Amino acid sequence: MRSVNVTEVPENAQLIDVREPDEYAQGHARGAINIPMSEFVGRIGEISTERDVYLICKLGGRSRECGEYLEQARGGERVINVEGGTEAWREQGLPIVE
């Protein structure tokens, strides 16, 4: 699994936020889709296999765990962890939906 910093995430990326719904509702990266870690295994079918998938959480830990699972379940060339997570996204002044 590759890792990138928040400034390397393409504008139209398939960005999956694995935080829980209450965290997601408090503010998330613009364009991010919420598939919480607690539901991730049952919902991986919602993630396109045709595009790179960027996984984000608060700091990068949960997204890495989900990425490791996704790599094992489907193969990992297209799985990318966003280091620093939503906290780094905010710090860089990138678009947040609240």
PDB file of N, CA and C in Angstrom:
ATOM      1  N   MET A   1       0.849  -1.175   0.000  1.00  0.00           N
ATOM      2  CA  MET A   1       0.000   0.000   0.000  1.00  0.00           C
ATOM      3  C   MET A   1       0.892   1.234   0.000  1.00  0.00           C
ATOM      4  N   ARG A   2       0.560   2.132  -0.898  1.00  0.00           N
ATOM      5  CA  ARG A   2       1.280   3.407  -0.933  1.00  0.00           C
ATOM      6  C   ARG A   2       0.671   4.357   0.089  1.00  0.00           C
ATOM      7  N   SER A   3       1.433   5.352   0.458  1.00  0.00           N
ATOM      8  CA  SER A   3       0.944   6.440   1.292  1.00  0.00           C
ATOM      9  C   SER A   3       1.272   7.749   0.596  1.00  0.00           C
ATOM     10  N   VAL A   4       0.384   8.711   0.742  1.00  0.00           N
ATOM     11  CA  VAL A   4       0.607  10.051   0.208  1.00  0.00           C
ATOM     12  C   VAL A   4       0.240  11.057   1.281  1.00  0.00           C
ATOM     13  N   ASN A   5       0.753  12.280   1.141  1.00  0.00           N
ATOM     14  CA  ASN A   5       0.289  13.316   2.051  1.00  0.00           C
ATOM     15  C   ASN A   5      -0.952  13.963   1.437  1.00  0.00           C
ATOM     16  N   VAL A   6      -1.636  14.769   2.209  1.00  0.00           N
ATOM     17  CA  VAL A   6      -2.933  15.308   1.780  1.00  0.00           C
ATOM     18  C   VAL A   6      -2.845  16.159   0.519  1.00  0.00           C
ATOM     19  N   THR A   7      -1.720  16.795   0.295  1.00  0.00           N
ATOM     20  CA  THR A   7      -1.598  17.648  -0.891  1.00  0.00           C
ATOM     21  C   THR A   7      -1.419  16.840  -2.171  1.00  0.00           C
ATOM     22  N   GLU A   8      -1.192  15.541  -2.047  1.00  0.00           N
ATOM     23  CA  GLU A   8      -1.009  14.673  -3.214  1.00  0.00           C
ATOM     24  C   GLU A   8      -2.293  13.959  -3.644  1.00  0.00           C
ATOM     25  N   VAL A   9      -3.391  14.176  -2.937  1.00  0.00           N
ATOM     26  CA  VAL A   9      -4.661  13.537  -3.291  1.00  0.00           C
ATOM     27  C   VAL A   9      -5.274  14.301  -4.461  1.00  0.00           C
ATOM     28  N   PRO A  10      -5.523  13.630  -5.592  1.00  0.00           N
ATOM     29  CA  PRO A  10      -6.116  14.322  -6.746  1.00  0.00           C
ATOM     30  C   PRO A  10      -7.506  14.872  -6.422  1.00  0.00           C
ATOM     31  N   GLU A  11      -7.869  15.960  -7.086  1.00  0.00           N
ATOM     32  CA  GLU A  11      -9.141  16.628  -6.808  1.00  0.00           C
ATOM     33  C   GLU A  11     -10.349  15.711  -6.971  1.00  0.00           C
ATOM     34  N   ASN A  12     -10.360  14.862  -7.970  1.00  0.00           N
ATOM     35  CA  ASN A  12     -11.508  13.983  -8.212  1.00  0.00           C
ATOM     36  C   ASN A  12     -11.252  12.551  -7.756  1.00  0.00           C
ATOM     37  N   ALA A  13     -10.449  12.389  -6.729  1.00  0.00           N
ATOM     38  CA  ALA A  13     -10.091  11.057  -6.234  1.00  0.00           C
ATOM     39  C   ALA A  13     -11.299  10.337  -5.657  1.00  0.00           C
ATOM     40  N   GLN A  14     -11.240   9.010  -5.703  1.00  0.00           N
ATOM     41  CA  GLN A  14     -12.181   8.182  -4.952  1.00  0.00           C
ATOM     42  C   GLN A  14     -11.644   8.178  -3.515  1.00  0.00           C
ATOM     43  N   LEU A  15     -12.206   9.049  -2.683  1.00  0.00           N
ATOM     44  CA  LEU A  15     -11.713   9.274  -1.326  1.00  0.00           C
ATOM     45  C   LEU A  15     -12.720   8.701  -0.337  1.00  0.00           C
ATOM     46  N   ILE A  16     -12.291   7.721   0.446  1.00  0.00           N
ATOM     47  CA  ILE A  16     -13.157   7.048   1.408  1.00  0.00           C
ATOM     48  C   ILE A  16     -12.714   7.433   2.813  1.00  0.00           C
ATOM     49  N   ASP A  17     -13.639   8.029   3.574  1.00  0.00           N
ATOM     50  CA  ASP A  17     -13.389   8.415   4.959  1.00  0.00           C
ATOM     51  C   ASP A  17     -13.891   7.279   5.845  1.00  0.00           C
ATOM     52  N   VAL A  18     -12.989   6.642   6.585  1.00  0.00           N
ATOM     53  CA  VAL A  18     -13.354   5.475   7.379  1.00  0.00           C
ATOM     54  C   VAL A  18     -13.686   5.815   8.834  1.00  0.00           C
ATOM     55  N   ARG A  19     -13.782   7.098   9.150  1.00  0.00           N
ATOM     56  CA  ARG A  19     -14.182   7.483  10.507  1.00  0.00           C
ATOM     57  C   ARG A  19     -15.660   7.158  10.715  1.00  0.00           C
ATOM     58  N   GLU A  20     -16.076   7.143  11.956  1.00  0.00           N
ATOM     59  CA  GLU A  20     -17.476   6.856  12.276  1.00  0.00           C
ATOM     60  C   GLU A  20     -18.357   8.043  11.867  1.00  0.00           C
ATOM     61  N   PRO A  21     -19.653   7.794  11.629  1.00  0.00           N
ATOM     62  CA  PRO A  21     -20.541   8.846  11.115  1.00  0.00           C
ATOM     63  C   PRO A  21     -20.543  10.144  11.925  1.00  0.00           C
ATOM     64  N   ASP A  22     -20.449  10.054  13.257  1.00  0.00           N
ATOM     65  CA  ASP A  22     -20.444  11.280  14.058  1.00  0.00           C
ATOM     66  C   ASP A  22     -19.182  12.102  13.799  1.00  0.00           C
ATOM     67  N   GLU A  23     -18.046  11.450  13.616  1.00  0.00           N
ATOM     68  CA  GLU A  23     -16.803  12.159  13.298  1.00  0.00           C
ATOM     69  C   GLU A  23     -16.887  12.785  11.907  1.00  0.00           C
ATOM     70  N   TYR A  24     -17.383  12.014  10.959  1.00  0.00           N
ATOM     71  CA  TYR A  24     -17.540  12.478   9.573  1.00  0.00           C
ATOM     72  C   TYR A  24     -18.434  13.717   9.532  1.00  0.00           C
ATOM     73  N   ALA A  25     -19.521  13.704  10.302  1.00  0.00           N
ATOM     74  CA  ALA A  25     -20.468  14.824  10.322  1.00  0.00           C
ATOM     75  C   ALA A  25     -19.850  16.096  10.892  1.00  0.00           C
ATOM     76  N   GLN A  26     -18.817  15.961  11.706  1.00  0.00           N
ATOM     77  CA  GLN A  26     -18.163  17.128  12.302  1.00  0.00           C
ATOM     78  C   GLN A  26     -17.229  17.833  11.329  1.00  0.00           C
ATOM     79  N   GLY A  27     -17.039  17.262  10.163  1.00  0.00           N
ATOM     80  CA  GLY A  27     -16.200  17.868   9.136  1.00  0.00           C
ATOM     81  C   GLY A  27     -15.395  16.816   8.412  1.00  0.00           C
ATOM     82  N   HIS A  28     -15.472  16.850   7.081  1.00  0.00           N
ATOM     83  CA  HIS A  28     -14.748  15.873   6.270  1.00  0.00           C
ATOM     84  C   HIS A  28     -14.227  16.532   5.002  1.00  0.00           C
ATOM     85  N   ALA A  29     -13.256  15.891   4.407  1.00  0.00           N
ATOM     86  CA  ALA A  29     -12.680  16.380   3.155  1.00  0.00           C
ATOM     87  C   ALA A  29     -13.769  16.434   2.089  1.00  0.00           C
ATOM     88  N   ARG A  30     -13.789  17.524   1.339  1.00  0.00           N
ATOM     89  CA  ARG A  30     -14.776  17.655   0.269  1.00  0.00           C
ATOM     90  C   ARG A  30     -14.624  16.486  -0.706  1.00  0.00           C
ATOM     91  N   GLY A  31     -15.738  15.851  -1.023  1.00  0.00           N
ATOM     92  CA  GLY A  31     -15.738  14.732  -1.953  1.00  0.00           C
ATOM     93  C   GLY A  31     -15.576  13.371  -1.303  1.00  0.00           C
ATOM     94  N   ALA A  32     -15.289  13.338  -0.003  1.00  0.00           N
ATOM     95  CA  ALA A  32     -15.096  12.058   0.686  1.00  0.00           C
ATOM     96  C   ALA A  32     -16.432  11.358   0.915  1.00  0.00           C
ATOM     97  N   ILE A  33     -16.417  10.049   0.731  1.00  0.00           N
ATOM     98  CA  ILE A  33     -17.574   9.197   0.990  1.00  0.00           C
ATOM     99  C   ILE A  33     -17.315   8.480   2.305  1.00  0.00           C
ATOM    100  N   ASN A  34     -18.333   8.424   3.171  1.00  0.00           N
ATOM    101  CA  ASN A  34     -18.160   7.792   4.480  1.00  0.00           C
ATOM    102  C   ASN A  34     -18.502   6.300   4.428  1.00  0.00           C
ATOM    103  N   ILE A  35     -17.486   5.478   4.639  1.00  0.00           N
ATOM    104  CA  ILE A  35     -17.665   4.041   4.864  1.00  0.00           C
ATOM    105  C   ILE A  35     -16.904   3.750   6.155  1.00  0.00           C
ATOM    106  N   PRO A  36     -17.601   3.811   7.304  1.00  0.00           N
ATOM    107  CA  PRO A  36     -16.930   3.680   8.596  1.00  0.00           C
ATOM    108  C   PRO A  36     -16.175   2.363   8.749  1.00  0.00           C
ATOM    109  N   MET A  37     -15.105   2.421   9.507  1.00  0.00           N
ATOM    110  CA  MET A  37     -14.310   1.224   9.763  1.00  0.00           C
ATOM    111  C   MET A  37     -15.189   0.106  10.311  1.00  0.00           C
ATOM    112  N   SER A  38     -16.160   0.448  11.159  1.00  0.00           N
ATOM    113  CA  SER A  38     -17.032  -0.564  11.762  1.00  0.00           C
ATOM    114  C   SER A  38     -17.915  -1.272  10.737  1.00  0.00           C
ATOM    115  N   GLU A  39     -18.073  -0.686   9.540  1.00  0.00           N
ATOM    116  CA  GLU A  39     -18.903  -1.277   8.484  1.00  0.00           C
ATOM    117  C   GLU A  39     -18.079  -1.648   7.249  1.00  0.00           C
ATOM    118  N   PHE A  40     -16.788  -1.420   7.306  1.00  0.00           N
ATOM    119  CA  PHE A  40     -15.934  -1.493   6.124  1.00  0.00           C
ATOM    120  C   PHE A  40     -15.976  -2.851   5.428  1.00  0.00           C
ATOM    121  N   VAL A  41     -15.841  -3.920   6.182  1.00  0.00           N
ATOM    122  CA  VAL A  41     -15.792  -5.263   5.589  1.00  0.00           C
ATOM    123  C   VAL A  41     -17.058  -5.542   4.785  1.00  0.00           C
ATOM    124  N   GLY A  42     -18.207  -5.189   5.325  1.00  0.00           N
ATOM    125  CA  GLY A  42     -19.473  -5.447   4.648  1.00  0.00           C
ATOM    126  C   GLY A  42     -19.777  -4.513   3.495  1.00  0.00           C
ATOM    127  N   ARG A  43     -19.010  -3.432   3.378  1.00  0.00           N
ATOM    128  CA  ARG A  43     -19.323  -2.430   2.356  1.00  0.00           C
ATOM    129  C   ARG A  43     -18.231  -2.249   1.305  1.00  0.00           C
ATOM    130  N   ILE A  44     -17.228  -3.125   1.279  1.00  0.00           N
ATOM    131  CA  ILE A  44     -16.151  -2.914   0.300  1.00  0.00           C
ATOM    132  C   ILE A  44     -16.641  -3.007  -1.135  1.00  0.00           C
ATOM    133  N   GLY A  45     -17.784  -3.640  -1.349  1.00  0.00           N
ATOM    134  CA  GLY A  45     -18.349  -3.711  -2.692  1.00  0.00           C
ATOM    135  C   GLY A  45     -18.733  -2.352  -3.248  1.00  0.00           C
ATOM    136  N   GLU A  46     -18.869  -1.349  -2.378  1.00  0.00           N
ATOM    137  CA  GLU A  46     -19.205   0.011  -2.804  1.00  0.00           C
ATOM    138  C   GLU A  46     -17.994   0.760  -3.359  1.00  0.00           C
ATOM    139  N   ILE A  47     -16.814   0.198  -3.180  1.00  0.00           N
ATOM    140  CA  ILE A  47     -15.577   0.852  -3.604  1.00  0.00           C
ATOM    141  C   ILE A  47     -15.207   0.364  -4.999  1.00  0.00           C
ATOM    142  N   SER A  48     -15.059   1.291  -5.918  1.00  0.00           N
ATOM    143  CA  SER A  48     -14.735   0.948  -7.303  1.00  0.00           C
ATOM    144  C   SER A  48     -13.367   0.285  -7.408  1.00  0.00           C
ATOM    145  N   THR A  49     -13.309  -0.769  -8.196  1.00  0.00           N
ATOM    146  CA  THR A  49     -12.034  -1.424  -8.472  1.00  0.00           C
ATOM    147  C   THR A  49     -11.373  -0.826  -9.708  1.00  0.00           C
ATOM    148  N   GLU A  50     -12.076   0.075 -10.375  1.00  0.00           N
ATOM    149  CA  GLU A  50     -11.586   0.676 -11.618  1.00  0.00           C
ATOM    150  C   GLU A  50     -10.707   1.906 -11.381  1.00  0.00           C
ATOM    151  N   ARG A  51     -10.699   2.396 -10.144  1.00  0.00           N
ATOM    152  CA  ARG A  51      -9.958   3.623  -9.822  1.00  0.00           C
ATOM    153  C   ARG A  51      -9.112   3.401  -8.583  1.00  0.00           C
ATOM    154  N   ASP A  52      -8.088   4.240  -8.426  1.00  0.00           N
ATOM    155  CA  ASP A  52      -7.339   4.248  -7.177  1.00  0.00           C
ATOM    156  C   ASP A  52      -8.305   4.596  -6.053  1.00  0.00           C
ATOM    157  N   VAL A  53      -8.085   4.010  -4.882  1.00  0.00           N
ATOM    158  CA  VAL A  53      -8.895   4.343  -3.714  1.00  0.00           C
ATOM    159  C   VAL A  53      -7.974   4.962  -2.663  1.00  0.00           C
ATOM    160  N   TYR A  54      -8.324   6.170  -2.255  1.00  0.00           N
ATOM    161  CA  TYR A  54      -7.600   6.900  -1.223  1.00  0.00           C
ATOM    162  C   TYR A  54      -8.402   6.767   0.061  1.00  0.00           C
ATOM    163  N   LEU A  55      -7.759   6.282   1.122  1.00  0.00           N
ATOM    164  CA  LEU A  55      -8.418   6.081   2.404  1.00  0.00           C
ATOM    165  C   LEU A  55      -7.922   7.121   3.391  1.00  0.00           C
ATOM    166  N   ILE A  56      -8.877   7.726   4.119  1.00  0.00           N
ATOM    167  CA  ILE A  56      -8.548   8.785   5.066  1.00  0.00           C
ATOM    168  C   ILE A  56      -9.325   8.552   6.359  1.00  0.00           C
ATOM    169  N   CYS A  57      -8.741   8.962   7.476  1.00  0.00           N
ATOM    170  CA  CYS A  57      -9.420   8.928   8.774  1.00  0.00           C
ATOM    171  C   CYS A  57      -9.031  10.216   9.507  1.00  0.00           C
ATOM    172  N   LYS A  58      -8.877  10.171  10.806  1.00  0.00           N
ATOM    173  CA  LYS A  58      -8.493  11.378  11.537  1.00  0.00           C
ATOM    174  C   LYS A  58      -7.002  11.680  11.367  1.00  0.00           C
ATOM    175  N   LEU A  59      -6.160  10.656  11.579  1.00  0.00           N
ATOM    176  CA  LEU A  59      -4.707  10.860  11.530  1.00  0.00           C
ATOM    177  C   LEU A  59      -3.973   9.923  10.574  1.00  0.00           C
ATOM    178  N   GLY A  60      -4.600   8.832  10.167  1.00  0.00           N
ATOM    179  CA  GLY A  60      -3.969   7.902   9.236  1.00  0.00           C
ATOM    180  C   GLY A  60      -3.868   6.468   9.716  1.00  0.00           C
ATOM    181  N   GLY A  61      -4.207   6.197  10.972  1.00  0.00           N
ATOM    182  CA  GLY A  61      -4.100   4.842  11.520  1.00  0.00           C
ATOM    183  C   GLY A  61      -5.215   3.913  11.081  1.00  0.00           C
ATOM    184  N   ARG A  62      -6.455   4.343  11.275  1.00  0.00           N
ATOM    185  CA  ARG A  62      -7.590   3.494  10.882  1.00  0.00           C
ATOM    186  C   ARG A  62      -7.625   3.290   9.375  1.00  0.00           C
ATOM    187  N   SER A  63      -7.304   4.330   8.635  1.00  0.00           N
ATOM    188  CA  SER A  63      -7.305   4.197   7.174  1.00  0.00           C
ATOM    189  C   SER A  63      -6.238   3.195   6.727  1.00  0.00           C
ATOM    190  N   ARG A  64      -5.112   3.166   7.409  1.00  0.00           N
ATOM    191  CA  ARG A  64      -4.066   2.183   7.081  1.00  0.00           C
ATOM    192  C   ARG A  64      -4.586   0.767   7.349  1.00  0.00           C
ATOM    193  N   GLU A  65      -5.258   0.564   8.476  1.00  0.00           N
ATOM    194  CA  GLU A  65      -5.806  -0.764   8.786  1.00  0.00           C
ATOM    195  C   GLU A  65      -6.817  -1.197   7.728  1.00  0.00           C
ATOM    196  N   CYS A  66      -7.702  -0.294   7.345  1.00  0.00           N
ATOM    197  CA  CYS A  66      -8.690  -0.613   6.308  1.00  0.00           C
ATOM    198  C   CYS A  66      -7.996  -0.887   4.981  1.00  0.00           C
ATOM    199  N   GLY A  67      -6.957  -0.144   4.690  1.00  0.00           N
ATOM    200  CA  GLY A  67      -6.200  -0.352   3.461  1.00  0.00           C
ATOM    201  C   GLY A  67      -5.535  -1.712   3.426  1.00  0.00           C
ATOM    202  N   GLU A  68      -4.996  -2.137   4.570  1.00  0.00           N
ATOM    203  CA  GLU A  68      -4.376  -3.459   4.641  1.00  0.00           C
ATOM    204  C   GLU A  68      -5.411  -4.542   4.379  1.00  0.00           C
ATOM    205  N   TYR A  69      -6.603  -4.378   4.944  1.00  0.00           N
ATOM    206  CA  TYR A  69      -7.680  -5.342   4.691  1.00  0.00           C
ATOM    207  C   TYR A  69      -8.054  -5.343   3.207  1.00  0.00           C
ATOM    208  N   LEU A  70      -8.226  -4.159   2.647  1.00  0.00           N
ATOM    209  CA  LEU A  70      -8.629  -4.044   1.246  1.00  0.00           C
ATOM    210  C   LEU A  70      -7.580  -4.666   0.322  1.00  0.00           C
ATOM    211  N   GLU A  71      -6.318  -4.462   0.638  1.00  0.00           N
ATOM    212  CA  GLU A  71      -5.234  -5.077  -0.150  1.00  0.00           C
ATOM    213  C   GLU A  71      -5.353  -6.595  -0.161  1.00  0.00           C
ATOM    214  N   GLN A  72      -5.592  -7.168   1.004  1.00  0.00           N
ATOM    215  CA  GLN A  72      -5.697  -8.625   1.102  1.00  0.00           C
ATOM    216  C   GLN A  72      -6.953  -9.132   0.405  1.00  0.00           C
ATOM    217  N   ALA A  73      -8.034  -8.386   0.511  1.00  0.00           N
ATOM    218  CA  ALA A  73      -9.312  -8.819  -0.057  1.00  0.00           C
ATOM    219  C   ALA A  73      -9.346  -8.701  -1.575  1.00  0.00           C
ATOM    220  N   ARG A  74      -8.693  -7.665  -2.115  1.00  0.00           N
ATOM    221  CA  ARG A  74      -8.848  -7.390  -3.546  1.00  0.00           C
ATOM    222  C   ARG A  74      -7.552  -7.168  -4.307  1.00  0.00           C
ATOM    223  N   GLY A  75      -6.443  -7.162  -3.643  1.00  0.00           N
ATOM    224  CA  GLY A  75      -5.194  -6.799  -4.321  1.00  0.00           C
ATOM    225  C   GLY A  75      -4.916  -5.333  -4.062  1.00  0.00           C
ATOM    226  N   GLY A  76      -3.643  -4.965  -3.970  1.00  0.00           N
ATOM    227  CA  GLY A  76      -3.340  -3.668  -3.417  1.00  0.00           C
ATOM    228  C   GLY A  76      -2.757  -2.594  -4.287  1.00  0.00           C
ATOM    229  N   GLU A  77      -2.657  -2.802  -5.592  1.00  0.00           N
ATOM    230  CA  GLU A  77      -1.994  -1.783  -6.392  1.00  0.00           C
ATOM    231  C   GLU A  77      -2.697  -0.429  -6.335  1.00  0.00           C
ATOM    232  N   ARG A  78      -3.984  -0.434  -6.117  1.00  0.00           N
ATOM    233  CA  ARG A  78      -4.762   0.798  -6.205  1.00  0.00           C
ATOM    234  C   ARG A  78      -5.194   1.325  -4.839  1.00  0.00           C
ATOM    235  N   VAL A  79      -4.596   0.843  -3.757  1.00  0.00           N
ATOM    236  CA  VAL A  79      -4.964   1.251  -2.401  1.00  0.00           C
ATOM    237  C   VAL A  79      -3.919   2.235  -1.882  1.00  0.00           C
ATOM    238  N   ILE A  80      -4.386   3.409  -1.467  1.00  0.00           N
ATOM    239  CA  ILE A  80      -3.478   4.478  -1.048  1.00  0.00           C
ATOM    240  C   ILE A  80      -3.963   5.063   0.274  1.00  0.00           C
ATOM    241  N   ASN A  81      -3.080   5.128   1.258  1.00  0.00           N
ATOM    242  CA  ASN A  81      -3.406   5.708   2.559  1.00  0.00           C
ATOM    243  C   ASN A  81      -3.024   7.188   2.564  1.00  0.00           C
ATOM    244  N   VAL A  82      -3.912   8.014   3.110  1.00  0.00           N
ATOM    245  CA  VAL A  82      -3.648   9.451   3.218  1.00  0.00           C
ATOM    246  C   VAL A  82      -3.055   9.718   4.601  1.00  0.00           C
ATOM    247  N   GLU A  83      -1.746   9.938   4.640  1.00  0.00           N
ATOM    248  CA  GLU A  83      -1.031  10.194   5.891  1.00  0.00           C
ATOM    249  C   GLU A  83      -1.489  11.512   6.515  1.00  0.00           C
ATOM    250  N   GLY A  84      -1.630  11.497   7.827  1.00  0.00           N
ATOM    251  CA  GLY A  84      -2.027  12.707   8.543  1.00  0.00           C
ATOM    252  C   GLY A  84      -3.522  12.913   8.606  1.00  0.00           C
ATOM    253  N   GLY A  85      -4.256  12.223   7.746  1.00  0.00           N
ATOM    254  CA  GLY A  85      -5.709  12.223   7.780  1.00  0.00           C
ATOM    255  C   GLY A  85      -6.373  13.587   7.681  1.00  0.00           C
ATOM    256  N   THR A  86      -7.577  13.634   8.223  1.00  0.00           N
ATOM    257  CA  THR A  86      -8.392  14.845   8.153  1.00  0.00           C
ATOM    258  C   THR A  86      -7.754  15.999   8.920  1.00  0.00           C
ATOM    259  N   GLU A  87      -7.006  15.677   9.969  1.00  0.00           N
ATOM    260  CA  GLU A  87      -6.321  16.734  10.719  1.00  0.00           C
ATOM    261  C   GLU A  87      -5.329  17.462   9.813  1.00  0.00           C
ATOM    262  N   ALA A  88      -4.534  16.719   9.067  1.00  0.00           N
ATOM    263  CA  ALA A  88      -3.573  17.333   8.142  1.00  0.00           C
ATOM    264  C   ALA A  88      -4.302  18.056   7.014  1.00  0.00           C
ATOM    265  N   TRP A  89      -5.425  17.500   6.573  1.00  0.00           N
ATOM    266  CA  TRP A  89      -6.239  18.126   5.519  1.00  0.00           C
ATOM    267  C   TRP A  89      -6.646  19.532   5.966  1.00  0.00           C
ATOM    268  N   ARG A  90      -7.137  19.630   7.207  1.00  0.00           N
ATOM    269  CA  ARG A  90      -7.528  20.938   7.773  1.00  0.00           C
ATOM    270  C   ARG A  90      -6.326  21.874   7.878  1.00  0.00           C
ATOM    271  N   GLU A  91      -5.228  21.353   8.405  1.00  0.00           N
ATOM    272  CA  GLU A  91      -4.027  22.174   8.603  1.00  0.00           C
ATOM    273  C   GLU A  91      -3.513  22.756   7.296  1.00  0.00           C
ATOM    274  N   GLN A  92      -3.686  22.041   6.201  1.00  0.00           N
ATOM    275  CA  GLN A  92      -3.242  22.516   4.885  1.00  0.00           C
ATOM    276  C   GLN A  92      -4.244  23.476   4.245  1.00  0.00           C
ATOM    277  N   GLY A  93      -5.384  23.683   4.903  1.00  0.00           N
ATOM    278  CA  GLY A  93      -6.387  24.600   4.367  1.00  0.00           C
ATOM    279  C   GLY A  93      -7.145  24.042   3.173  1.00  0.00           C
ATOM    280  N   LEU A  94      -7.166  22.717   3.050  1.00  0.00           N
ATOM    281  CA  LEU A  94      -7.900  22.084   1.951  1.00  0.00           C
ATOM    282  C   LEU A  94      -9.402  22.100   2.256  1.00  0.00           C
ATOM    283  N   PRO A  95     -10.253  21.986   1.230  1.00  0.00           N
ATOM    284  CA  PRO A  95     -11.707  22.128   1.431  1.00  0.00           C
ATOM    285  C   PRO A  95     -12.300  21.086   2.385  1.00  0.00           C
ATOM    286  N   ILE A  96     -13.053  21.593   3.358  1.00  0.00           N
ATOM    287  CA  ILE A  96     -13.741  20.773   4.361  1.00  0.00           C
ATOM    288  C   ILE A  96     -15.238  21.049   4.256  1.00  0.00           C
ATOM    289  N   VAL A  97     -16.025  19.983   4.350  1.00  0.00           N
ATOM    290  CA  VAL A  97     -17.484  20.109   4.412  1.00  0.00           C
ATOM    291  C   VAL A  97     -17.875  19.889   5.860  1.00  0.00           C
ATOM    292  N   GLU A  98     -18.629  20.848   6.426  1.00  0.00           N
ATOM    293  CA  GLU A  98     -19.048  20.717   7.833  1.00  0.00           C
ATOM    294  C   GLU A  98     -20.541  20.664   7.938  1.00  0.00           C
TER     295      GLU A  98
END
